[in-house]
Amino acid sequence: MKTAVISGGNGGLGRALAAALEAKGWHCVLMDVNIDGLDPGETRTPVQVDLTDAAALRQAAAKVITARPSIDMVIYNAGVSQIGPFAGTDEASHRRVFEINYFAAVGMARAFLSAVRQCGGTHLAISSVAGFAPLHNRTAYAASKHALEGFFGSLRSEEAPFGVRTLIAAPSFVATNIGNDKRSGDGIMRPGAAADGVDYMLPDDAAAVILRGVEKGREFIPVGRVARLASWMMRASPRFYQWAMRRNISGQH
């Protein structure tokens, strides 16, 4: 039985990815700071860990590697969003977004690097439209996702000689927490809760698109109509993308 390790495994997209993989005969290790509602079973192992705690992450990863016969895929799905103008946020919150969205993924990749190499497995980074294009009122979030794509896009060539695939999926707006848009005073909130999104996808639909891309070995997987359109617009006319984004996200005309 192949094993997939999924960070942010208790979120909407994490659960959807796990369910789809389990249906295909995979065992999923779901890592999250909160594992309430995740029941262990033959195809599922919940692991409670704060991914921003480097020592705890290394310890948790070592236990997973020891317990499973192989680590065939690591899915870097954990993340938070931050909504609000840059002028209204502080440095600490900016760094917090990076700790969760970027540095936790880097630490996880380091922890599982050798195990993934041993079976010629797959690194799958869950980025965002904001990972390749600007997004209004999301400076820290977009910056962290740009960094994520830069890291995994560069890691790809280093790991290819070991038979390892490094893929990036970029969903647009996935409705994982609609109606649960509670945020801290610094604007940080769970992903998929923003009320200003466009053309939301359901988590199960997004997971299906992502895993089809994985099966086809696509290095970059735009997920959803908005993501596909944004990818095309950024290549064809970044200026037009900026205009369309401001019009649809910020209401500026």
Protein backbone atom coordinates (compact mmCIF):
# COMPACT_ATOMS: atom_id res chain seq x y z
CA MET A 1 0.00 0.00 0.00
CA LYS A 2 1.44 3.35 -1.04
CA THR A 3 1.64 6.15 1.51
CA ALA A 4 0.85 9.83 1.06
CA VAL A 5 1.70 12.36 3.76
CA ILE A 6 -0.60 15.39 3.68
CA SER A 7 0.00 18.53 5.71
CA GLY A 8 -3.08 20.50 6.60
CA GLY A 9 -4.79 17.14 6.49
CA ASN A 10 -7.77 18.25 8.56
CA GLY A 11 -8.72 21.08 6.23
CA GLY A 12 -11.31 20.81 3.49
CA LEU A 13 -8.89 20.24 0.64
CA GLY A 14 -6.64 18.01 2.74
CA ARG A 15 -9.56 15.76 3.63
CA ALA A 16 -10.75 15.69 0.02
CA LEU A 17 -7.30 14.70 -1.24
CA ALA A 18 -7.06 12.00 1.41
CA ALA A 19 -10.49 10.57 0.59
CA ALA A 20 -9.68 10.41 -3.12
CA LEU A 21 -6.33 8.73 -2.52
CA GLU A 22 -7.76 6.27 0.01
CA ALA A 23 -10.37 5.28 -2.56
CA LYS A 24 -7.48 4.39 -4.87
CA GLY A 25 -5.88 2.16 -2.23
CA TRP A 26 -3.44 4.59 -0.64
CA HIS A 27 -2.71 5.03 3.05
CA CYS A 28 -2.82 8.70 4.07
CA VAL A 29 -0.92 10.26 6.95
CA LEU A 30 -2.77 13.46 7.84
CA MET A 31 -0.59 15.98 9.65
CA ASP A 32 -2.26 18.98 11.26
CA VAL A 33 -2.09 21.14 14.36
CA ASN A 34 -5.67 20.05 15.10
CA ILE A 35 -6.73 16.49 14.29
CA ASP A 36 -10.18 16.58 15.90
CA GLY A 37 -12.58 14.49 13.85
CA LEU A 38 -9.87 12.49 12.10
CA ASP A 39 -10.22 8.86 13.08
CA PRO A 40 -7.32 6.45 12.55
CA GLY A 41 -7.93 3.34 10.50
CA GLU A 42 -6.47 0.91 8.01
CA THR A 43 -6.05 3.63 5.39
CA ARG A 44 -5.55 6.67 7.63
CA THR A 45 -3.14 7.88 10.32
CA PRO A 46 -3.75 11.29 11.88
CA VAL A 47 -0.65 13.00 13.30
CA GLN A 48 -0.97 16.04 15.55
CA VAL A 49 1.94 18.42 15.04
CA ASP A 50 2.60 22.13 14.82
CA LEU A 51 4.44 22.33 11.51
CA THR A 52 6.05 25.63 12.51
CA ASP A 53 7.81 23.85 15.41
CA ALA A 54 10.90 22.56 13.61
CA ALA A 55 11.88 20.01 16.26
CA ALA A 56 8.34 18.65 16.56
CA LEU A 57 8.08 18.37 12.78
CA ARG A 58 11.33 16.44 12.52
CA GLN A 59 10.24 14.08 15.30
CA ALA A 60 6.83 13.47 13.76
CA ALA A 61 8.31 12.86 10.31
CA ALA A 62 10.82 10.36 11.72
CA LYS A 63 8.00 8.38 13.37
CA VAL A 64 6.00 8.33 10.14
CA ILE A 65 9.01 7.15 8.11
CA THR A 66 9.66 4.37 10.64
CA ALA A 67 6.02 3.27 10.69
CA ARG A 68 5.36 3.18 6.94
CA PRO A 69 7.04 0.88 4.36
CA SER A 70 7.47 3.78 1.94
CA ILE A 71 6.73 7.49 1.58
CA ASP A 72 5.46 7.70 -1.98
CA MET A 73 4.05 11.22 -1.99
CA VAL A 74 4.24 14.26 0.25
CA ILE A 75 1.53 16.87 -0.26
CA TYR A 76 2.34 20.31 1.09
CA ASN A 77 -1.17 21.56 1.69
CA ALA A 78 -1.04 23.39 5.03
CA GLY A 79 -1.54 27.11 4.83
CA VAL A 80 -3.29 30.24 5.99
CA SER A 81 -4.49 33.34 4.23
CA GLN A 82 -4.23 36.95 5.28
CA ILE A 83 -6.64 39.52 3.93
CA GLY A 84 -6.14 43.23 4.30
CA PRO A 85 -4.06 46.08 2.90
CA PHE A 86 -0.33 45.97 3.52
CA ALA A 87 -0.54 49.35 5.27
CA GLY A 88 -2.79 47.80 7.90
CA THR A 89 -0.62 44.78 8.76
CA ASP A 90 2.59 44.46 10.74
CA GLU A 91 5.87 42.62 10.26
CA ALA A 92 5.05 39.93 12.79
CA SER A 93 1.92 38.84 10.93
CA HIS A 94 3.79 38.88 7.61
CA ARG A 95 6.41 36.56 9.08
CA ARG A 96 3.70 34.34 10.57
CA VAL A 97 2.18 33.77 7.14
CA PHE A 98 5.60 32.78 5.81
CA GLU A 99 6.27 30.45 8.75
CA ILE A 100 3.12 28.47 7.96
CA ASN A 101 2.90 28.72 4.17
CA TYR A 102 6.58 28.56 3.26
CA PHE A 103 9.03 27.59 5.99
CA ALA A 104 6.87 24.74 7.32
CA ALA A 105 6.76 23.26 3.81
CA VAL A 106 10.53 23.63 3.42
CA GLY A 107 11.08 21.92 6.78
CA MET A 108 8.72 19.13 5.80
CA ALA A 109 10.49 18.65 2.46
CA ARG A 110 13.81 18.39 4.26
CA ALA A 111 12.43 15.85 6.73
CA PHE A 112 11.00 13.57 4.04
CA LEU A 113 13.60 14.16 1.30
CA SER A 114 15.53 10.91 1.70
CA ALA A 115 12.41 8.79 2.18
CA VAL A 116 10.85 10.14 -1.02
CA ARG A 117 14.10 9.54 -2.89
CA GLN A 118 14.20 5.93 -1.78
CA CYS A 119 11.00 5.09 -3.65
CA GLY A 120 11.22 7.61 -6.47
CA GLY A 121 8.17 9.36 -5.09
CA THR A 122 6.48 12.70 -5.56
CA HIS A 123 6.55 16.10 -3.91
CA LEU A 124 3.26 17.92 -4.53
CA ALA A 125 3.08 21.55 -3.44
CA ILE A 126 -0.36 23.11 -3.16
CA SER A 127 0.14 26.71 -4.18
CA SER A 128 -2.47 29.18 -5.43
CA VAL A 129 -3.27 31.62 -8.19
CA ALA A 130 -1.47 34.02 -5.83
CA GLY A 131 1.66 31.92 -6.34
CA PHE A 132 2.13 33.12 -9.90
CA ALA A 133 0.01 36.28 -10.06
CA PRO A 134 -0.69 39.28 -7.79
CA LEU A 135 -3.82 39.25 -5.68
CA HIS A 136 -5.46 42.30 -4.12
CA ASN A 137 -5.22 42.70 -0.33
CA ARG A 138 -3.05 39.59 0.01
CA THR A 139 0.55 40.82 -0.09
CA ALA A 140 1.92 38.38 2.51
CA TYR A 141 -0.12 35.46 1.20
CA ALA A 142 0.91 36.06 -2.42
CA ALA A 143 4.54 36.53 -1.43
CA SER A 144 4.57 33.28 0.54
CA LYS A 145 3.01 31.34 -2.34
CA HIS A 146 5.44 32.88 -4.85
CA ALA A 147 8.25 31.70 -2.56
CA LEU A 148 6.70 28.24 -2.33
CA GLU A 149 6.58 27.91 -6.12
CA GLY A 150 10.14 29.22 -6.43
CA PHE A 151 11.38 26.64 -3.93
CA PHE A 152 9.66 23.60 -5.39
CA GLY A 153 10.25 24.68 -8.98
CA SER A 154 13.97 24.84 -8.21
CA LEU A 155 13.94 21.63 -6.15
CA ARG A 156 12.51 19.83 -9.19
CA SER A 157 15.80 19.71 -11.09
CA GLU A 158 17.74 18.62 -8.00
CA GLU A 159 15.46 15.68 -7.27
CA ALA A 160 14.87 14.53 -10.86
CA PRO A 161 18.10 12.44 -10.95
CA PHE A 162 16.66 10.37 -8.09
CA GLY A 163 13.51 9.62 -10.06
CA VAL A 164 11.51 12.02 -7.89
CA ARG A 165 8.76 14.17 -9.39
CA THR A 166 8.18 17.67 -8.01
CA LEU A 167 4.78 19.04 -8.98
CA ILE A 168 2.94 22.26 -8.19
CA ALA A 169 -0.85 22.63 -8.12
CA ALA A 170 -2.36 26.10 -8.15
CA PRO A 171 -6.04 26.20 -7.17
CA SER A 172 -8.05 29.37 -7.52
CA PHE A 173 -10.79 29.78 -4.91
CA VAL A 174 -11.73 26.55 -3.11
CA ALA A 175 -14.77 26.74 -0.83
CA THR A 176 -13.36 24.96 2.20
CA ASN A 177 -14.43 27.36 4.93
CA ILE A 178 -17.14 29.59 3.48
CA GLY A 179 -19.11 31.17 6.32
CA ASN A 180 -16.23 30.51 8.74
CA ASP A 181 -14.24 33.62 7.94
CA LYS A 182 -13.22 34.43 11.49
CA ARG A 183 -9.83 36.05 11.47
CA SER A 184 -7.40 37.26 14.06
CA GLY A 185 -6.68 40.93 14.54
CA ASP A 186 -3.86 40.69 12.01
CA GLY A 187 -6.16 39.43 9.23
CA ILE A 188 -4.84 35.86 9.25
CA MET A 189 -7.58 33.34 8.55
CA ARG A 190 -8.17 29.81 7.33
CA PRO A 191 -7.95 29.42 3.56
CA GLY A 192 -11.12 29.12 1.55
CA ALA A 193 -13.13 31.39 3.83
CA ALA A 194 -12.79 34.74 2.07
CA ALA A 195 -15.99 36.36 0.92
CA ASP A 196 -14.33 38.16 -2.01
CA GLY A 197 -13.46 35.05 -4.01
CA VAL A 198 -14.50 34.39 -7.58
CA ASP A 199 -16.02 31.19 -9.00
CA TYR A 200 -15.44 28.96 -5.99
CA MET A 201 -14.75 25.23 -6.45
CA LEU A 202 -15.80 22.46 -4.09
CA PRO A 203 -12.91 20.67 -2.34
CA ASP A 204 -13.75 17.29 -3.92
CA ASP A 205 -13.71 18.82 -7.40
CA ALA A 206 -10.40 20.55 -6.75
CA ALA A 207 -8.88 17.32 -5.38
CA ALA A 208 -10.00 15.41 -8.48
CA VAL A 209 -8.33 17.94 -10.80
CA ILE A 210 -5.13 17.91 -8.76
CA LEU A 211 -4.84 14.13 -8.68
CA ARG A 212 -5.56 13.84 -12.41
CA GLY A 213 -2.66 16.21 -12.95
CA VAL A 214 -0.49 14.09 -10.68
CA GLU A 215 -1.39 10.93 -12.60
CA LYS A 216 -0.39 12.68 -15.84
CA GLY A 217 2.83 13.95 -14.29
CA ARG A 218 2.08 17.61 -14.98
CA GLU A 219 4.68 19.83 -13.38
CA PHE A 220 2.20 22.71 -13.06
CA ILE A 221 -1.50 22.06 -12.46
CA PRO A 222 -3.86 25.05 -12.61
CA VAL A 223 -7.00 24.09 -10.72
CA GLY A 224 -10.27 25.65 -11.75
CA ARG A 225 -11.45 28.00 -14.44
CA VAL A 226 -10.07 31.09 -12.70
CA ALA A 227 -6.64 29.52 -12.28
CA ARG A 228 -6.48 28.42 -15.92
CA LEU A 229 -7.58 31.83 -17.13
CA ALA A 230 -5.21 33.67 -14.80
CA SER A 231 -2.29 31.51 -15.94
CA TRP A 232 -3.05 32.31 -19.56
CA MET A 233 -3.56 36.03 -18.88
CA MET A 234 -0.29 36.34 -16.95
CA ARG A 235 1.57 34.89 -19.91
CA ALA A 236 -0.30 36.91 -22.52
CA SER A 237 -0.78 40.26 -20.78
CA PRO A 238 0.13 40.84 -17.12
CA ARG A 239 -1.28 44.36 -17.39
CA PHE A 240 -4.68 43.05 -18.48
CA TYR A 241 -4.61 40.52 -15.63
CA GLN A 242 -3.99 43.34 -13.15
CA TRP A 243 -6.98 45.24 -14.51
CA ALA A 244 -9.27 42.20 -14.39
CA MET A 245 -8.10 41.25 -10.90
CA ARG A 246 -8.72 44.75 -9.52
CA ARG A 247 -12.14 44.86 -11.18
CA ASN A 248 -13.30 41.49 -9.87
CA ILE A 249 -11.55 41.22 -6.50
CA SER A 250 -11.27 44.78 -5.24
CA GLY A 251 -14.17 46.35 -7.11
CA GLN A 252 -11.86 48.97 -8.63
CA HIS A 253 -12.72 49.99 -12.19
